Amino acid sequence: MIRSGGKAPSIILLAHYKALIALRKSYPSLALGSYESPNASGSVMSYQRELGSERTLVVINYGTTAAASVALAQLPANAVLTRVWPAGGADVPADAVGNASISLAAQTAAVYRVH
């Protein structure tokens, strides 16, 4: 969800779109990569994009009530997820069979680099 913090909603929305466009330009897999491992569970969906050696993971929580604990599967074994949008947060490790878990607030999305 986009929060205005007292600014005009149109300015906030423009900044949001600019950030997403910059993200897409920074990670070619988001724009050109193949779709891998789509998953939907309750109000959360996720998918991976892969282009060459670059892999990204997109997770979206459409829910409106609470943060969701999201179980992720079909990641590369022992992969590390680094959140690139919104930036910040600790890296999330996948286990030896490619499973990981993250928490995602209601009505938010996150993009991770998978390495």
C-alpha atoms as a PDB file:
ATOM      1  CA  MET A   1       0.000   0.000   0.000  1.00  0.00           C
ATOM      2  CA  ILE A   2       1.248   3.465  -0.828  1.00  0.00           C
ATOM      3  CA  ARG A   3       1.181   5.810   2.142  1.00  0.00           C
ATOM      4  CA  SER A   4       1.218   9.546   1.480  1.00  0.00           C
ATOM      5  CA  GLY A   5       2.767  10.871   4.705  1.00  0.00           C
ATOM      6  CA  GLY A   6       1.051  14.207   4.083  1.00  0.00           C
ATOM      7  CA  LYS A   7       2.132  14.557   0.457  1.00  0.00           C
ATOM      8  CA  ALA A   8      -0.227  14.769  -2.492  1.00  0.00           C
ATOM      9  CA  PRO A   9      -1.244  11.221  -3.509  1.00  0.00           C
ATOM     10  CA  SER A  10      -0.349  11.849  -7.167  1.00  0.00           C
ATOM     11  CA  ILE A  11       3.249  12.750  -6.233  1.00  0.00           C
ATOM     12  CA  ILE A  12       3.561   9.640  -4.071  1.00  0.00           C
ATOM     13  CA  LEU A  13       2.139   7.439  -6.819  1.00  0.00           C
ATOM     14  CA  LEU A  14       4.552   8.939  -9.363  1.00  0.00           C
ATOM     15  CA  ALA A  15       7.508   8.242  -7.058  1.00  0.00           C
ATOM     16  CA  HIS A  16       6.234   4.670  -6.568  1.00  0.00           C
ATOM     17  CA  TYR A  17       6.054   4.063 -10.326  1.00  0.00           C
ATOM     18  CA  LYS A  18       9.501   5.579 -10.852  1.00  0.00           C
ATOM     19  CA  ALA A  19      10.945   3.247  -8.210  1.00  0.00           C
ATOM     20  CA  LEU A  20       9.339   0.224  -9.898  1.00  0.00           C
ATOM     21  CA  ILE A  21      10.637   1.281 -13.319  1.00  0.00           C
ATOM     22  CA  ALA A  22      14.156   1.691 -11.882  1.00  0.00           C
ATOM     23  CA  LEU A  23      13.885  -1.760 -10.284  1.00  0.00           C
ATOM     24  CA  ARG A  24      12.833  -3.303 -13.586  1.00  0.00           C
ATOM     25  CA  LYS A  25      15.770  -1.657 -15.367  1.00  0.00           C
ATOM     26  CA  SER A  26      18.206  -2.839 -12.672  1.00  0.00           C
ATOM     27  CA  TYR A  27      17.123  -6.483 -12.915  1.00  0.00           C
ATOM     28  CA  PRO A  28      16.613  -7.602 -16.535  1.00  0.00           C
ATOM     29  CA  SER A  29      15.075 -10.864 -15.313  1.00  0.00           C
ATOM     30  CA  LEU A  30      12.038  -8.875 -14.127  1.00  0.00           C
ATOM     31  CA  ALA A  31      11.375  -7.554 -17.618  1.00  0.00           C
ATOM     32  CA  LEU A  32      12.626 -10.346 -19.862  1.00  0.00           C
ATOM     33  CA  GLY A  33      13.005 -13.470 -17.762  1.00  0.00           C
ATOM     34  CA  SER A  34      10.992 -16.641 -17.910  1.00  0.00           C
ATOM     35  CA  TYR A  35       8.310 -17.240 -15.275  1.00  0.00           C
ATOM     36  CA  GLU A  36       9.249 -20.023 -12.882  1.00  0.00           C
ATOM     37  CA  SER A  37       7.557 -21.677  -9.903  1.00  0.00           C
ATOM     38  CA  PRO A  38       4.320 -19.687  -9.694  1.00  0.00           C
ATOM     39  CA  ASN A  39       2.530 -20.270  -6.399  1.00  0.00           C
ATOM     40  CA  ALA A  40      -0.630 -19.003  -4.727  1.00  0.00           C
ATOM     41  CA  SER A  41      -1.726 -19.754  -1.187  1.00  0.00           C
ATOM     42  CA  GLY A  42      -4.565 -17.864   0.429  1.00  0.00           C
ATOM     43  CA  SER A  43      -4.019 -14.180  -0.253  1.00  0.00           C
ATOM     44  CA  VAL A  44      -0.315 -14.528  -1.135  1.00  0.00           C
ATOM     45  CA  MET A  45       1.175 -15.223  -4.537  1.00  0.00           C
ATOM     46  CA  SER A  46       4.773 -15.588  -5.605  1.00  0.00           C
ATOM     47  CA  TYR A  47       6.755 -16.338  -8.716  1.00  0.00           C
ATOM     48  CA  GLN A  48      10.345 -16.354  -9.876  1.00  0.00           C
ATOM     49  CA  ARG A  49      11.797 -14.737 -12.976  1.00  0.00           C
ATOM     50  CA  GLU A  50      14.982 -16.087 -14.505  1.00  0.00           C
ATOM     51  CA  LEU A  51      17.212 -14.701 -17.227  1.00  0.00           C
ATOM     52  CA  GLY A  52      20.621 -16.296 -17.704  1.00  0.00           C
ATOM     53  CA  SER A  53      22.235 -16.505 -14.283  1.00  0.00           C
ATOM     54  CA  GLU A  54      19.955 -13.829 -12.784  1.00  0.00           C
ATOM     55  CA  ARG A  55      16.964 -14.978 -10.748  1.00  0.00           C
ATOM     56  CA  THR A  56      14.457 -12.791  -8.915  1.00  0.00           C
ATOM     57  CA  LEU A  57      11.533 -13.666  -6.676  1.00  0.00           C
ATOM     58  CA  VAL A  58       8.360 -11.573  -6.471  1.00  0.00           C
ATOM     59  CA  VAL A  59       6.009 -12.056  -3.504  1.00  0.00           C
ATOM     60  CA  ILE A  60       2.666 -10.241  -3.192  1.00  0.00           C
ATOM     61  CA  ASN A  61       0.328 -10.285  -0.178  1.00  0.00           C
ATOM     62  CA  TYR A  62      -3.150  -9.217  -1.311  1.00  0.00           C
ATOM     63  CA  GLY A  63      -4.599  -9.802   2.162  1.00  0.00           C
ATOM     64  CA  THR A  64      -6.097  -6.977   4.171  1.00  0.00           C
ATOM     65  CA  THR A  65      -5.902  -8.157   7.759  1.00  0.00           C
ATOM     66  CA  ALA A  66      -2.438  -9.151   8.951  1.00  0.00           C
ATOM     67  CA  ALA A  67       1.088 -10.016   7.983  1.00  0.00           C
ATOM     68  CA  ALA A  68       1.435 -13.386   6.356  1.00  0.00           C
ATOM     69  CA  SER A  69       4.097 -15.965   6.974  1.00  0.00           C
ATOM     70  CA  VAL A  70       4.945 -17.109   3.481  1.00  0.00           C
ATOM     71  CA  ALA A  71       6.426 -20.536   2.824  1.00  0.00           C
ATOM     72  CA  LEU A  72       8.512 -20.473  -0.345  1.00  0.00           C
ATOM     73  CA  ALA A  73       9.488 -23.604  -2.235  1.00  0.00           C
ATOM     74  CA  GLN A  74      11.271 -24.532  -5.443  1.00  0.00           C
ATOM     75  CA  LEU A  75      14.177 -22.195  -4.798  1.00  0.00           C
ATOM     76  CA  PRO A  76      17.698 -23.321  -5.633  1.00  0.00           C
ATOM     77  CA  ALA A  77      19.178 -25.438  -2.834  1.00  0.00           C
ATOM     78  CA  ASN A  78      20.890 -23.276  -0.193  1.00  0.00           C
ATOM     79  CA  ALA A  79      19.995 -20.079  -2.047  1.00  0.00           C
ATOM     80  CA  VAL A  80      20.094 -16.721  -0.297  1.00  0.00           C
ATOM     81  CA  LEU A  81      17.259 -14.220  -0.797  1.00  0.00           C
ATOM     82  CA  THR A  82      18.273 -10.559  -0.649  1.00  0.00           C
ATOM     83  CA  ARG A  83      15.403  -8.090  -0.610  1.00  0.00           C
ATOM     84  CA  VAL A  84      15.937  -5.450  -3.294  1.00  0.00           C
ATOM     85  CA  TRP A  85      12.503  -3.803  -3.187  1.00  0.00           C
ATOM     86  CA  PRO A  86      11.679  -2.273  -0.921  1.00  0.00           C
ATOM     87  CA  ALA A  87      15.320  -2.200   0.057  1.00  0.00           C
ATOM     88  CA  GLY A  88      16.465  -3.455   3.411  1.00  0.00           C
ATOM     89  CA  GLY A  89      15.947  -6.359   5.707  1.00  0.00           C
ATOM     90  CA  ALA A  90      18.082  -9.340   6.507  1.00  0.00           C
ATOM     91  CA  ASP A  91      18.998 -11.965   3.936  1.00  0.00           C
ATOM     92  CA  VAL A  92      16.805 -15.059   4.029  1.00  0.00           C
ATOM     93  CA  PRO A  93      18.480 -18.437   3.542  1.00  0.00           C
ATOM     94  CA  ALA A  94      16.834 -21.354   1.768  1.00  0.00           C
ATOM     95  CA  ASP A  95      17.469 -24.846   3.050  1.00  0.00           C
ATOM     96  CA  ALA A  96      19.155 -27.743   1.257  1.00  0.00           C
ATOM     97  CA  VAL A  97      15.977 -28.593  -0.673  1.00  0.00           C
ATOM     98  CA  GLY A  98      15.093 -25.001  -1.649  1.00  0.00           C
ATOM     99  CA  ASN A  99      12.545 -24.004   1.003  1.00  0.00           C
ATOM    100  CA  ALA A 100      12.474 -20.674   2.832  1.00  0.00           C
ATOM    101  CA  SER A 101      10.015 -18.588   4.824  1.00  0.00           C
ATOM    102  CA  ILE A 102       9.405 -14.842   4.951  1.00  0.00           C
ATOM    103  CA  SER A 103       6.889 -12.549   6.624  1.00  0.00           C
ATOM    104  CA  LEU A 104       5.055 -10.040   4.456  1.00  0.00           C
ATOM    105  CA  ALA A 105       2.671  -7.354   5.710  1.00  0.00           C
ATOM    106  CA  ALA A 106      -0.860  -7.125   4.340  1.00  0.00           C
ATOM    107  CA  GLN A 107      -1.259  -5.369   0.999  1.00  0.00           C
ATOM    108  CA  THR A 108       2.446  -5.231   0.281  1.00  0.00           C
ATOM    109  CA  ALA A 109       4.883  -6.770  -2.140  1.00  0.00           C
ATOM    110  CA  ALA A 110       8.575  -7.562  -2.060  1.00  0.00           C
ATOM    111  CA  VAL A 111      11.179  -8.438  -4.659  1.00  0.00           C
ATOM    112  CA  TYR A 112      14.211 -10.550  -3.805  1.00  0.00           C
ATOM    113  CA  ARG A 113      17.391 -11.346  -5.675  1.00  0.00           C
ATOM    114  CA  VAL A 114      18.005 -15.074  -5.490  1.00  0.00           C
ATOM    115  CA  HIS A 115      21.667 -16.054  -5.327  1.00  0.00           C
END
